Amino acid sequence: MPKPNQKFPTTKQEFKRRFTDEETCLEFLFQARWPNGFQCPTCNWQANDSNSTRSITCPHCGHQTSLTTNTIMHGTKKSLSEWLLGLWWLTINESGASAKNLQRLLKLSSYQTAWTWLQKMRMAMGIADQTLCQGVVEIGCRTVTPAWEGKEQTLILAAAEAILPSGITGRIRMTQINKLDAAEINSFLVNAVQSGSSIITPEETVYQSIDHAYITTQSFSNGNPHRPDELLKSFEIWLNKVHRGAVSSKHIQLYLHEFCFRNNSALLPNQEAVFAALIRGVMYDKAKPYHALVASNSQGGFNE
C-alpha cells in the first residue's frame, strides 16, 4: 500500500518507480485482498502475519489457493505488474479508455486480450461502486443507441442524487432494462436507492407504482430539465466519442458501470482513492471467462 504522503503516479515513469518489480506488485495486491493477513476461503483460518506470496496452501485444512483466485485476474498468465499498470492507466484516463490504447500501452499481441481485460476491469468498477443513492433522488428512463449503424437501441433506467450545495455532482446509478414497468423500476430502486429516500419521477403513470419504502415527493413536468435524461444523453455522447458507438447492446451494462464509476469518483478525495476503490473491485470480483463475455455478441466480433 502507498507510503504516507506518497504522490500518486501521473506518468508511466512515476508508476514504474512506485511499482518497481513483480514483488512490489504482489505485496500491494496481497495487502489489498488480505489486509489482516491471509484468510482461507475454505476453513476461514486466519494467518497471524501478512507475508506476501502468490500461491498459498492453508496449514490448517490444506486447501490450495492463490492471490488471483476468483478475482478478475483468475487464471491469468500475465504478470501482476501488467495488470496494475493497466488499472492505473484506467484510473488516470478519466474520460474513458479503449482496448486499442490498452493493447498499445501493455504491448499485447492480441486485441482480444486487451478487450477482455477492459471488460473485466469494467466489471470491477461495478463491484467497487455499489453505494446507494440517497436523499432526494431523481429517476428516469431513456432509449440509448450505442451501435454504429444506429439500429440497436436499449432502454436505460437511471437514478441521480440532487446536486450537492457545494456544486459537486451527486451519485448516480444506471441499469439496462427490458421494458419500463413497475417491476423493473422497483427492482432497480432496491439496488440503486436507499430506502426512505425521496424520489422525483417523470409524469408517466408507470412511476406511480413505486414501492412504499420510498417517498415520491413530486413529478417533473416534461418541459423542465430532468437530470437522469441529461445524464443518459451524456452517456450516449460518451459512447460515441470514446468508443465511436461501436458497443453492442449486449455489453452495455459494463459501459454503464464505467460511466457511473467515473462520475461517482468525483465524490472521492483524489486519484489515489479512486485507484484504491478500483483495486478493491478487482480483488473482490469473480471473473467471467472470456467466452462468456463474447458469447452474446451477435456479430461475433470484439466490439469496444
C-alpha atoms as a PDB file:
ATOM      1  CA  MET A   1       0.000   0.000   0.000  1.00  0.00           C
ATOM      2  CA  PRO A   2       1.180   3.599  -0.539  1.00  0.00           C
ATOM      3  CA  LYS A   3       3.506   5.169   1.990  1.00  0.00           C
ATOM      4  CA  PRO A   4       2.297   8.286   3.858  1.00  0.00           C
ATOM      5  CA  ASN A   5       2.473  11.410   1.675  1.00  0.00           C
ATOM      6  CA  GLN A   6       3.462   9.304  -1.341  1.00  0.00           C
ATOM      7  CA  LYS A   7       2.424  11.105  -4.522  1.00  0.00           C
ATOM      8  CA  PHE A   8       0.078   9.222  -6.821  1.00  0.00           C
ATOM      9  CA  PRO A   9       1.871   8.478 -10.115  1.00  0.00           C
ATOM     10  CA  THR A  10       0.651  10.571 -13.027  1.00  0.00           C
ATOM     11  CA  THR A  11       3.062   9.220 -15.655  1.00  0.00           C
ATOM     12  CA  LYS A  12       4.175   5.749 -16.661  1.00  0.00           C
ATOM     13  CA  GLN A  13       7.684   6.551 -15.419  1.00  0.00           C
ATOM     14  CA  GLU A  14       6.332   7.507 -11.981  1.00  0.00           C
ATOM     15  CA  PHE A  15       4.277   4.316 -11.911  1.00  0.00           C
ATOM     16  CA  LYS A  16       7.401   2.248 -12.641  1.00  0.00           C
ATOM     17  CA  ARG A  17       9.259   3.980  -9.797  1.00  0.00           C
ATOM     18  CA  ARG A  18       6.466   3.141  -7.357  1.00  0.00           C
ATOM     19  CA  PHE A  19       5.851  -0.427  -8.534  1.00  0.00           C
ATOM     20  CA  THR A  20       9.438  -1.340  -9.259  1.00  0.00           C
ATOM     21  CA  ASP A  21       9.079  -5.094  -9.751  1.00  0.00           C
ATOM     22  CA  GLU A  22       6.710  -8.067  -9.556  1.00  0.00           C
ATOM     23  CA  GLU A  23       7.344  -8.495  -5.836  1.00  0.00           C
ATOM     24  CA  THR A  24       6.243  -4.918  -5.117  1.00  0.00           C
ATOM     25  CA  CYS A  25       3.037  -5.504  -7.088  1.00  0.00           C
ATOM     26  CA  LEU A  26       2.460  -8.788  -5.259  1.00  0.00           C
ATOM     27  CA  GLU A  27       2.786  -7.115  -1.856  1.00  0.00           C
ATOM     28  CA  PHE A  28       0.436  -4.297  -2.891  1.00  0.00           C
ATOM     29  CA  LEU A  29      -2.306  -6.642  -4.137  1.00  0.00           C
ATOM     30  CA  PHE A  30      -1.859  -9.096  -1.252  1.00  0.00           C
ATOM     31  CA  GLN A  31      -2.402  -6.248   1.209  1.00  0.00           C
ATOM     32  CA  ALA A  32      -5.457  -5.114  -0.753  1.00  0.00           C
ATOM     33  CA  ARG A  33      -7.047  -8.568  -0.648  1.00  0.00           C
ATOM     34  CA  TRP A  34      -5.995  -9.633   2.844  1.00  0.00           C
ATOM     35  CA  PRO A  35      -5.115  -6.502   4.869  1.00  0.00           C
ATOM     36  CA  ASN A  36      -5.145  -8.515   8.113  1.00  0.00           C
ATOM     37  CA  GLY A  37      -3.237 -11.490   6.745  1.00  0.00           C
ATOM     38  CA  PHE A  38      -4.328 -14.423   4.595  1.00  0.00           C
ATOM     39  CA  GLN A  39      -7.729 -15.951   5.402  1.00  0.00           C
ATOM     40  CA  CYS A  40      -8.512 -19.382   3.988  1.00  0.00           C
ATOM     41  CA  PRO A  41     -11.671 -19.310   1.818  1.00  0.00           C
ATOM     42  CA  THR A  42     -12.470 -22.908   2.822  1.00  0.00           C
ATOM     43  CA  CYS A  43     -11.991 -23.106   6.596  1.00  0.00           C
ATOM     44  CA  ASN A  44     -11.593 -19.372   7.412  1.00  0.00           C
ATOM     45  CA  TRP A  45      -8.256 -19.972   9.130  1.00  0.00           C
ATOM     46  CA  GLN A  46      -6.605 -16.588   9.709  1.00  0.00           C
ATOM     47  CA  ALA A  47      -2.856 -16.050   9.405  1.00  0.00           C
ATOM     48  CA  ASN A  48      -1.137 -14.051  12.132  1.00  0.00           C
ATOM     49  CA  ASP A  49       1.094 -12.312   9.626  1.00  0.00           C
ATOM     50  CA  SER A  50       0.755 -10.903   6.136  1.00  0.00           C
ATOM     51  CA  ASN A  51       3.725 -12.451   4.330  1.00  0.00           C
ATOM     52  CA  SER A  52       3.016 -11.983   0.647  1.00  0.00           C
ATOM     53  CA  THR A  53       3.040 -14.940  -1.705  1.00  0.00           C
ATOM     54  CA  ARG A  54       1.161 -15.671  -4.920  1.00  0.00           C
ATOM     55  CA  SER A  55       0.363 -19.348  -4.206  1.00  0.00           C
ATOM     56  CA  ILE A  56      -0.847 -20.351  -0.753  1.00  0.00           C
ATOM     57  CA  THR A  57      -1.549 -23.660   0.993  1.00  0.00           C
ATOM     58  CA  CYS A  58      -3.633 -23.382   4.157  1.00  0.00           C
ATOM     59  CA  PRO A  59      -1.686 -25.009   7.033  1.00  0.00           C
ATOM     60  CA  HIS A  60      -4.975 -25.841   8.763  1.00  0.00           C
ATOM     61  CA  CYS A  61      -7.016 -27.639   6.066  1.00  0.00           C
ATOM     62  CA  GLY A  62      -4.532 -27.972   3.203  1.00  0.00           C
ATOM     63  CA  HIS A  63      -6.648 -26.014   0.726  1.00  0.00           C
ATOM     64  CA  GLN A  64      -4.567 -24.550  -2.086  1.00  0.00           C
ATOM     65  CA  THR A  65      -5.394 -21.126  -3.471  1.00  0.00           C
ATOM     66  CA  SER A  66      -3.660 -18.094  -4.905  1.00  0.00           C
ATOM     67  CA  LEU A  67      -3.750 -14.325  -4.750  1.00  0.00           C
ATOM     68  CA  THR A  68      -5.667 -14.110  -8.027  1.00  0.00           C
ATOM     69  CA  THR A  69      -8.185 -16.925  -7.440  1.00  0.00           C
ATOM     70  CA  ASN A  70     -11.770 -15.706  -8.018  1.00  0.00           C
ATOM     71  CA  THR A  71     -10.623 -12.229  -8.990  1.00  0.00           C
ATOM     72  CA  ILE A  72     -10.724 -10.692 -12.463  1.00  0.00           C
ATOM     73  CA  MET A  73      -7.134 -11.927 -12.792  1.00  0.00           C
ATOM     74  CA  HIS A  74      -8.149 -15.539 -12.164  1.00  0.00           C
ATOM     75  CA  GLY A  75      -6.058 -17.880 -14.293  1.00  0.00           C
ATOM     76  CA  THR A  76      -4.023 -15.067 -15.837  1.00  0.00           C
ATOM     77  CA  LYS A  77      -0.665 -15.883 -17.381  1.00  0.00           C
ATOM     78  CA  LYS A  78       0.319 -12.230 -17.472  1.00  0.00           C
ATOM     79  CA  SER A  79       2.345 -10.532 -14.764  1.00  0.00           C
ATOM     80  CA  LEU A  80       0.769  -8.644 -11.866  1.00  0.00           C
ATOM     81  CA  SER A  81       2.775  -5.595 -12.921  1.00  0.00           C
ATOM     82  CA  GLU A  82       0.997  -5.581 -16.301  1.00  0.00           C
ATOM     83  CA  TRP A  83      -2.398  -5.763 -14.621  1.00  0.00           C
ATOM     84  CA  LEU A  84      -1.552  -2.971 -12.188  1.00  0.00           C
ATOM     85  CA  LEU A  85      -0.228  -0.795 -14.998  1.00  0.00           C
ATOM     86  CA  GLY A  86      -3.492  -1.286 -16.888  1.00  0.00           C
ATOM     87  CA  LEU A  87      -5.580  -0.466 -13.806  1.00  0.00           C
ATOM     88  CA  TRP A  88      -3.501   2.633 -13.070  1.00  0.00           C
ATOM     89  CA  TRP A  89      -3.875   3.755 -16.699  1.00  0.00           C
ATOM     90  CA  LEU A  90      -7.644   3.236 -16.494  1.00  0.00           C
ATOM     91  CA  THR A  91      -7.703   5.426 -13.379  1.00  0.00           C
ATOM     92  CA  ILE A  92      -5.827   8.381 -14.844  1.00  0.00           C
ATOM     93  CA  ASN A  93      -7.757   8.335 -18.135  1.00  0.00           C
ATOM     94  CA  GLU A  94     -10.768   9.978 -16.569  1.00  0.00           C
ATOM     95  CA  SER A  95     -12.743  10.376 -19.794  1.00  0.00           C
ATOM     96  CA  GLY A  96     -12.575   6.698 -20.741  1.00  0.00           C
ATOM     97  CA  ALA A  97     -10.328   4.087 -22.320  1.00  0.00           C
ATOM     98  CA  SER A  98     -10.283   1.875 -25.401  1.00  0.00           C
ATOM     99  CA  ALA A  99      -8.972  -1.642 -25.943  1.00  0.00           C
ATOM    100  CA  LYS A 100      -6.682  -0.460 -28.742  1.00  0.00           C
ATOM    101  CA  ASN A 101      -4.970   2.017 -26.424  1.00  0.00           C
ATOM    102  CA  LEU A 102      -4.638  -0.599 -23.678  1.00  0.00           C
ATOM    103  CA  GLN A 103      -3.141  -3.019 -26.190  1.00  0.00           C
ATOM    104  CA  ARG A 104      -0.625  -0.362 -27.183  1.00  0.00           C
ATOM    105  CA  LEU A 105       0.244   0.519 -23.564  1.00  0.00           C
ATOM    106  CA  LEU A 106       0.887  -3.068 -22.492  1.00  0.00           C
ATOM    107  CA  LYS A 107       2.273  -4.162 -25.875  1.00  0.00           C
ATOM    108  CA  LEU A 108      -0.202  -7.028 -26.002  1.00  0.00           C
ATOM    109  CA  SER A 109      -0.037  -9.153 -29.135  1.00  0.00           C
ATOM    110  CA  SER A 110      -3.787  -9.797 -29.103  1.00  0.00           C
ATOM    111  CA  TYR A 111      -6.570  -7.202 -29.330  1.00  0.00           C
ATOM    112  CA  GLN A 112      -8.817  -9.920 -27.904  1.00  0.00           C
ATOM    113  CA  THR A 113      -6.768  -9.937 -24.685  1.00  0.00           C
ATOM    114  CA  ALA A 114      -6.943  -6.153 -24.328  1.00  0.00           C
ATOM    115  CA  TRP A 115     -10.704  -6.150 -24.958  1.00  0.00           C
ATOM    116  CA  THR A 116     -11.245  -8.892 -22.377  1.00  0.00           C
ATOM    117  CA  TRP A 117      -9.114  -7.121 -19.782  1.00  0.00           C
ATOM    118  CA  LEU A 118     -11.062  -3.893 -20.188  1.00  0.00           C
ATOM    119  CA  GLN A 119     -14.396  -5.685 -19.888  1.00  0.00           C
ATOM    120  CA  LYS A 120     -13.224  -7.373 -16.690  1.00  0.00           C
ATOM    121  CA  MET A 121     -11.987  -4.052 -15.338  1.00  0.00           C
ATOM    122  CA  ARG A 122     -15.422  -2.568 -16.051  1.00  0.00           C
ATOM    123  CA  MET A 123     -16.930  -5.444 -14.072  1.00  0.00           C
ATOM    124  CA  ALA A 124     -14.630  -4.462 -11.208  1.00  0.00           C
ATOM    125  CA  MET A 125     -15.858  -0.863 -11.457  1.00  0.00           C
ATOM    126  CA  GLY A 126     -19.414  -2.103 -10.959  1.00  0.00           C
ATOM    127  CA  ILE A 127     -18.366  -4.124  -7.907  1.00  0.00           C
ATOM    128  CA  ALA A 128     -16.457  -1.181  -6.429  1.00  0.00           C
ATOM    129  CA  ASP A 129     -19.296   1.297  -6.975  1.00  0.00           C
ATOM    130  CA  GLN A 130     -22.229  -0.123  -5.013  1.00  0.00           C
ATOM    131  CA  THR A 131     -23.044   2.735  -2.649  1.00  0.00           C
ATOM    132  CA  LEU A 132     -26.739   3.568  -2.985  1.00  0.00           C
ATOM    133  CA  CYS A 133     -28.096   6.960  -3.957  1.00  0.00           C
ATOM    134  CA  GLN A 134     -29.875   8.654  -1.061  1.00  0.00           C
ATOM    135  CA  GLY A 135     -31.659  11.820  -0.006  1.00  0.00           C
ATOM    136  CA  VAL A 136     -33.534  13.467  -2.861  1.00  0.00           C
ATOM    137  CA  VAL A 137     -33.120  11.253  -5.927  1.00  0.00           C
ATOM    138  CA  GLU A 138     -34.388  11.762  -9.470  1.00  0.00           C
ATOM    139  CA  ILE A 139     -35.148   8.742 -11.636  1.00  0.00           C
ATOM    140  CA  GLY A 140     -35.880   8.451 -15.336  1.00  0.00           C
ATOM    141  CA  CYS A 141     -35.617   6.232 -18.393  1.00  0.00           C
ATOM    142  CA  ARG A 142     -34.360   6.814 -21.919  1.00  0.00           C
ATOM    143  CA  THR A 143     -33.590   4.832 -25.056  1.00  0.00           C
ATOM    144  CA  VAL A 144     -29.885   4.803 -25.944  1.00  0.00           C
ATOM    145  CA  THR A 145     -28.492   3.870 -29.363  1.00  0.00           C
ATOM    146  CA  PRO A 146     -24.908   2.596 -28.948  1.00  0.00           C
ATOM    147  CA  ALA A 147     -24.233   0.885 -32.283  1.00  0.00           C
ATOM    148  CA  TRP A 148     -22.545   2.341 -35.365  1.00  0.00           C
ATOM    149  CA  GLU A 149     -25.492   1.659 -37.615  1.00  0.00           C
ATOM    150  CA  GLY A 150     -27.956   3.248 -35.218  1.00  0.00           C
ATOM    151  CA  LYS A 151     -30.161   0.159 -35.328  1.00  0.00           C
ATOM    152  CA  GLU A 152     -29.558  -1.244 -31.847  1.00  0.00           C
ATOM    153  CA  GLN A 153     -31.481   0.505 -29.111  1.00  0.00           C
ATOM    154  CA  THR A 154     -31.569  -0.249 -25.423  1.00  0.00           C
ATOM    155  CA  LEU A 155     -33.589   1.079 -22.501  1.00  0.00           C
ATOM    156  CA  ILE A 156     -31.607   2.509 -19.601  1.00  0.00           C
ATOM    157  CA  LEU A 157     -33.068   3.396 -16.204  1.00  0.00           C
ATOM    158  CA  ALA A 158     -31.119   5.995 -14.228  1.00  0.00           C
ATOM    159  CA  ALA A 159     -31.117   7.428 -10.713  1.00  0.00           C
ATOM    160  CA  ALA A 160     -29.308  10.620  -9.737  1.00  0.00           C
ATOM    161  CA  GLU A 161     -28.910  12.347  -6.394  1.00  0.00           C
ATOM    162  CA  ALA A 162     -29.789  16.014  -6.316  1.00  0.00           C
ATOM    163  CA  ILE A 163     -26.773  18.241  -6.969  1.00  0.00           C
ATOM    164  CA  LEU A 164     -24.979  18.950  -3.700  1.00  0.00           C
ATOM    165  CA  PRO A 165     -24.906  22.530  -2.359  1.00  0.00           C
ATOM    166  CA  SER A 166     -21.144  22.561  -2.975  1.00  0.00           C
ATOM    167  CA  GLY A 167     -21.806  22.047  -6.671  1.00  0.00           C
ATOM    168  CA  ILE A 168     -20.267  18.560  -6.660  1.00  0.00           C
ATOM    169  CA  THR A 169     -22.182  16.079  -8.781  1.00  0.00           C
ATOM    170  CA  GLY A 170     -24.305  13.695  -6.748  1.00  0.00           C
ATOM    171  CA  ARG A 171     -24.081   9.924  -7.006  1.00  0.00           C
ATOM    172  CA  ILE A 172     -25.680   8.185  -9.993  1.00  0.00           C
ATOM    173  CA  ARG A 173     -26.729   4.608 -10.759  1.00  0.00           C
ATOM    174  CA  MET A 174     -27.823   3.160 -14.112  1.00  0.00           C
ATOM    175  CA  THR A 175     -29.063  -0.186 -15.359  1.00  0.00           C
ATOM    176  CA  GLN A 176     -30.205  -1.733 -18.612  1.00  0.00           C
ATOM    177  CA  ILE A 177     -33.841  -2.911 -18.618  1.00  0.00           C
ATOM    178  CA  ASN A 178     -36.040  -4.901 -20.987  1.00  0.00           C
ATOM    179  CA  LYS A 179     -39.097  -2.686 -20.637  1.00  0.00           C
ATOM    180  CA  LEU A 180     -40.273   0.182 -18.460  1.00  0.00           C
ATOM    181  CA  ASP A 181     -42.764  -1.226 -15.977  1.00  0.00           C
ATOM    182  CA  ALA A 182     -43.361  -1.219 -12.224  1.00  0.00           C
ATOM    183  CA  ALA A 183     -41.435  -4.455 -11.659  1.00  0.00           C
ATOM    184  CA  GLU A 184     -38.297  -3.170 -13.432  1.00  0.00           C
ATOM    185  CA  ILE A 185     -38.475   0.192 -11.642  1.00  0.00           C
ATOM    186  CA  ASN A 186     -38.836  -1.301  -8.164  1.00  0.00           C
ATOM    187  CA  SER A 187     -36.140  -3.911  -8.789  1.00  0.00           C
ATOM    188  CA  PHE A 188     -33.788  -1.120  -9.852  1.00  0.00           C
ATOM    189  CA  LEU A 189     -34.615   1.032  -6.825  1.00  0.00           C
ATOM    190  CA  VAL A 190     -33.773  -1.786  -4.394  1.00  0.00           C
ATOM    191  CA  ASN A 191     -30.253  -1.967  -5.844  1.00  0.00           C
ATOM    192  CA  ALA A 192     -29.762   1.736  -6.525  1.00  0.00           C
ATOM    193  CA  VAL A 193     -31.552   3.916  -3.954  1.00  0.00           C
ATOM    194  CA  GLN A 194     -31.535   3.863  -0.162  1.00  0.00           C
ATOM    195  CA  SER A 195     -34.963   3.140   1.327  1.00  0.00           C
ATOM    196  CA  GLY A 196     -36.593   6.216   2.825  1.00  0.00           C
ATOM    197  CA  SER A 197     -35.205   8.466   0.104  1.00  0.00           C
ATOM    198  CA  SER A 198     -37.433  10.990  -1.656  1.00  0.00           C
ATOM    199  CA  ILE A 199     -37.959  10.033  -5.294  1.00  0.00           C
ATOM    200  CA  ILE A 200     -38.605  12.604  -8.022  1.00  0.00           C
ATOM    201  CA  THR A 201     -40.143  10.976 -11.079  1.00  0.00           C
ATOM    202  CA  PRO A 202     -41.318  11.918 -14.560  1.00  0.00           C
ATOM    203  CA  GLU A 203     -45.066  12.257 -15.018  1.00  0.00           C
ATOM    204  CA  GLU A 204     -45.707   8.884 -16.698  1.00  0.00           C
ATOM    205  CA  THR A 205     -48.229   6.749 -14.811  1.00  0.00           C
ATOM    206  CA  VAL A 206     -45.828   3.787 -14.690  1.00  0.00           C
ATOM    207  CA  TYR A 207     -43.870   5.608 -11.974  1.00  0.00           C
ATOM    208  CA  GLN A 208     -46.925   5.770  -9.698  1.00  0.00           C
ATOM    209  CA  SER A 209     -46.358   2.186  -8.522  1.00  0.00           C
ATOM    210  CA  ILE A 210     -43.085   2.884  -6.711  1.00  0.00           C
ATOM    211  CA  ASP A 211     -42.579   0.810  -3.577  1.00  0.00           C
ATOM    212  CA  HIS A 212     -43.771   2.380  -0.311  1.00  0.00           C
ATOM    213  CA  ALA A 213     -40.217   2.160   1.066  1.00  0.00           C
ATOM    214  CA  TYR A 214     -39.641   5.403  -0.863  1.00  0.00           C
ATOM    215  CA  ILE A 215     -41.293   8.809  -0.655  1.00  0.00           C
ATOM    216  CA  THR A 216     -42.472  10.145  -4.003  1.00  0.00           C
ATOM    217  CA  THR A 217     -42.368  13.888  -3.499  1.00  0.00           C
ATOM    218  CA  GLN A 218     -43.193  15.338  -6.909  1.00  0.00           C
ATOM    219  CA  SER A 219     -43.245  14.739 -10.652  1.00  0.00           C
ATOM    220  CA  PHE A 220     -41.235  16.511 -13.293  1.00  0.00           C
ATOM    221  CA  SER A 221     -43.025  18.412 -15.993  1.00  0.00           C
ATOM    222  CA  ASN A 222     -41.870  17.258 -19.422  1.00  0.00           C
ATOM    223  CA  GLY A 223     -40.776  20.805 -20.153  1.00  0.00           C
ATOM    224  CA  ASN A 224     -38.354  21.049 -17.227  1.00  0.00           C
ATOM    225  CA  PRO A 225     -34.730  19.859 -17.074  1.00  0.00           C
ATOM    226  CA  HIS A 226     -34.529  16.271 -15.874  1.00  0.00           C
ATOM    227  CA  ARG A 227     -31.108  15.183 -14.687  1.00  0.00           C
ATOM    228  CA  PRO A 228     -31.383  11.441 -15.456  1.00  0.00           C
ATOM    229  CA  ASP A 229     -32.356  12.258 -19.037  1.00  0.00           C
ATOM    230  CA  GLU A 230     -29.411  14.659 -19.341  1.00  0.00           C
ATOM    231  CA  LEU A 231     -27.049  12.019 -17.916  1.00  0.00           C
ATOM    232  CA  LEU A 232     -28.291   9.384 -20.338  1.00  0.00           C
ATOM    233  CA  LYS A 233     -27.751  11.777 -23.222  1.00  0.00           C
ATOM    234  CA  SER A 234     -24.223  12.337 -21.900  1.00  0.00           C
ATOM    235  CA  PHE A 235     -23.702   8.578 -21.706  1.00  0.00           C
ATOM    236  CA  GLU A 236     -24.706   8.179 -25.348  1.00  0.00           C
ATOM    237  CA  ILE A 237     -22.369  11.009 -26.387  1.00  0.00           C
ATOM    238  CA  TRP A 238     -19.554   9.406 -24.356  1.00  0.00           C
ATOM    239  CA  LEU A 239     -20.070   6.073 -26.128  1.00  0.00           C
ATOM    240  CA  ASN A 240     -19.839   7.773 -29.497  1.00  0.00           C
ATOM    241  CA  LYS A 241     -16.819   9.884 -28.538  1.00  0.00           C
ATOM    242  CA  VAL A 242     -14.659   7.364 -26.681  1.00  0.00           C
ATOM    243  CA  HIS A 243     -15.823   4.156 -28.331  1.00  0.00           C
ATOM    244  CA  ARG A 244     -17.250   5.608 -31.560  1.00  0.00           C
ATOM    245  CA  GLY A 245     -20.545   3.926 -30.796  1.00  0.00           C
ATOM    246  CA  ALA A 246     -19.025   0.501 -31.512  1.00  0.00           C
ATOM    247  CA  VAL A 247     -20.621  -1.108 -28.466  1.00  0.00           C
ATOM    248  CA  SER A 248     -23.084  -3.972 -28.651  1.00  0.00           C
ATOM    249  CA  SER A 249     -26.209  -3.501 -26.550  1.00  0.00           C
ATOM    250  CA  LYS A 250     -25.446  -6.981 -25.154  1.00  0.00           C
ATOM    251  CA  HIS A 251     -22.448  -5.473 -23.339  1.00  0.00           C
ATOM    252  CA  ILE A 252     -23.948  -2.098 -22.481  1.00  0.00           C
ATOM    253  CA  GLN A 253     -24.169  -2.759 -18.714  1.00  0.00           C
ATOM    254  CA  LEU A 254     -20.376  -2.948 -18.451  1.00  0.00           C
ATOM    255  CA  TYR A 255     -20.105   0.511 -20.010  1.00  0.00           C
ATOM    256  CA  LEU A 256     -22.779   1.793 -17.629  1.00  0.00           C
ATOM    257  CA  HIS A 257     -20.575   0.513 -14.781  1.00  0.00           C
ATOM    258  CA  GLU A 258     -17.654   2.519 -16.132  1.00  0.00           C
ATOM    259  CA  PHE A 259     -19.688   5.680 -16.755  1.00  0.00           C
ATOM    260  CA  CYS A 260     -21.206   5.636 -13.255  1.00  0.00           C
ATOM    261  CA  PHE A 261     -17.886   4.780 -11.594  1.00  0.00           C
ATOM    262  CA  ARG A 262     -16.169   7.703 -13.293  1.00  0.00           C
ATOM    263  CA  ASN A 263     -18.979  10.096 -12.360  1.00  0.00           C
ATOM    264  CA  ASN A 264     -19.089   8.912  -8.749  1.00  0.00           C
ATOM    265  CA  SER A 265     -15.302   9.086  -8.464  1.00  0.00           C
ATOM    266  CA  ALA A 266     -15.731  12.859  -8.283  1.00  0.00           C
ATOM    267  CA  LEU A 267     -17.029  12.254  -4.745  1.00  0.00           C
ATOM    268  CA  LEU A 268     -13.673  10.735  -3.729  1.00  0.00           C
ATOM    269  CA  PRO A 269     -10.860  12.992  -2.476  1.00  0.00           C
ATOM    270  CA  ASN A 270      -8.197  12.185  -5.096  1.00  0.00           C
ATOM    271  CA  GLN A 271      -6.961   9.739  -7.747  1.00  0.00           C
ATOM    272  CA  GLU A 272      -5.262   7.610  -5.096  1.00  0.00           C
ATOM    273  CA  ALA A 273      -8.687   6.951  -3.567  1.00  0.00           C
ATOM    274  CA  VAL A 274     -10.155   6.182  -6.996  1.00  0.00           C
ATOM    275  CA  PHE A 275      -7.326   3.720  -7.697  1.00  0.00           C
ATOM    276  CA  ALA A 276      -7.829   2.080  -4.293  1.00  0.00           C
ATOM    277  CA  ALA A 277     -11.562   1.696  -4.956  1.00  0.00           C
ATOM    278  CA  LEU A 278     -10.877   0.081  -8.326  1.00  0.00           C
ATOM    279  CA  ILE A 279      -8.344  -2.302  -6.764  1.00  0.00           C
ATOM    280  CA  ARG A 280     -10.939  -3.353  -4.161  1.00  0.00           C
ATOM    281  CA  GLY A 281     -13.303  -4.198  -7.001  1.00  0.00           C
ATOM    282  CA  VAL A 282     -10.581  -6.147  -8.776  1.00  0.00           C
ATOM    283  CA  MET A 283      -9.730  -8.232  -5.729  1.00  0.00           C
ATOM    284  CA  TYR A 284     -13.372  -8.882  -4.805  1.00  0.00           C
ATOM    285  CA  ASP A 285     -14.875  -9.615  -8.211  1.00  0.00           C
ATOM    286  CA  LYS A 286     -15.436 -13.134  -9.524  1.00  0.00           C
ATOM    287  CA  ALA A 287     -14.185 -13.162 -13.072  1.00  0.00           C
ATOM    288  CA  LYS A 288     -16.209 -14.225 -16.080  1.00  0.00           C
ATOM    289  CA  PRO A 289     -14.265 -16.309 -18.599  1.00  0.00           C
ATOM    290  CA  TYR A 290     -13.576 -14.728 -21.958  1.00  0.00           C
ATOM    291  CA  HIS A 291     -16.113 -16.861 -23.854  1.00  0.00           C
ATOM    292  CA  ALA A 292     -18.900 -15.696 -21.519  1.00  0.00           C
ATOM    293  CA  LEU A 293     -18.091 -12.069 -22.288  1.00  0.00           C
ATOM    294  CA  VAL A 294     -18.293 -12.502 -26.059  1.00  0.00           C
ATOM    295  CA  ALA A 295     -20.854 -15.298 -26.417  1.00  0.00           C
ATOM    296  CA  SER A 296     -23.771 -12.871 -26.540  1.00  0.00           C
ATOM    297  CA  ASN A 297     -22.180 -10.701 -29.232  1.00  0.00           C
ATOM    298  CA  SER A 298     -24.454 -11.456 -32.184  1.00  0.00           C
ATOM    299  CA  GLN A 299     -21.949 -10.022 -34.682  1.00  0.00           C
ATOM    300  CA  GLY A 300     -19.202 -12.337 -33.438  1.00  0.00           C
ATOM    301  CA  GLY A 301     -16.629  -9.547 -33.280  1.00  0.00           C
ATOM    302  CA  PHE A 302     -14.897  -7.812 -30.444  1.00  0.00           C
ATOM    303  CA  ASN A 303     -16.740  -4.522 -30.203  1.00  0.00           C
ATOM    304  CA  GLU A 304     -15.455  -1.981 -27.746  1.00  0.00           C
END
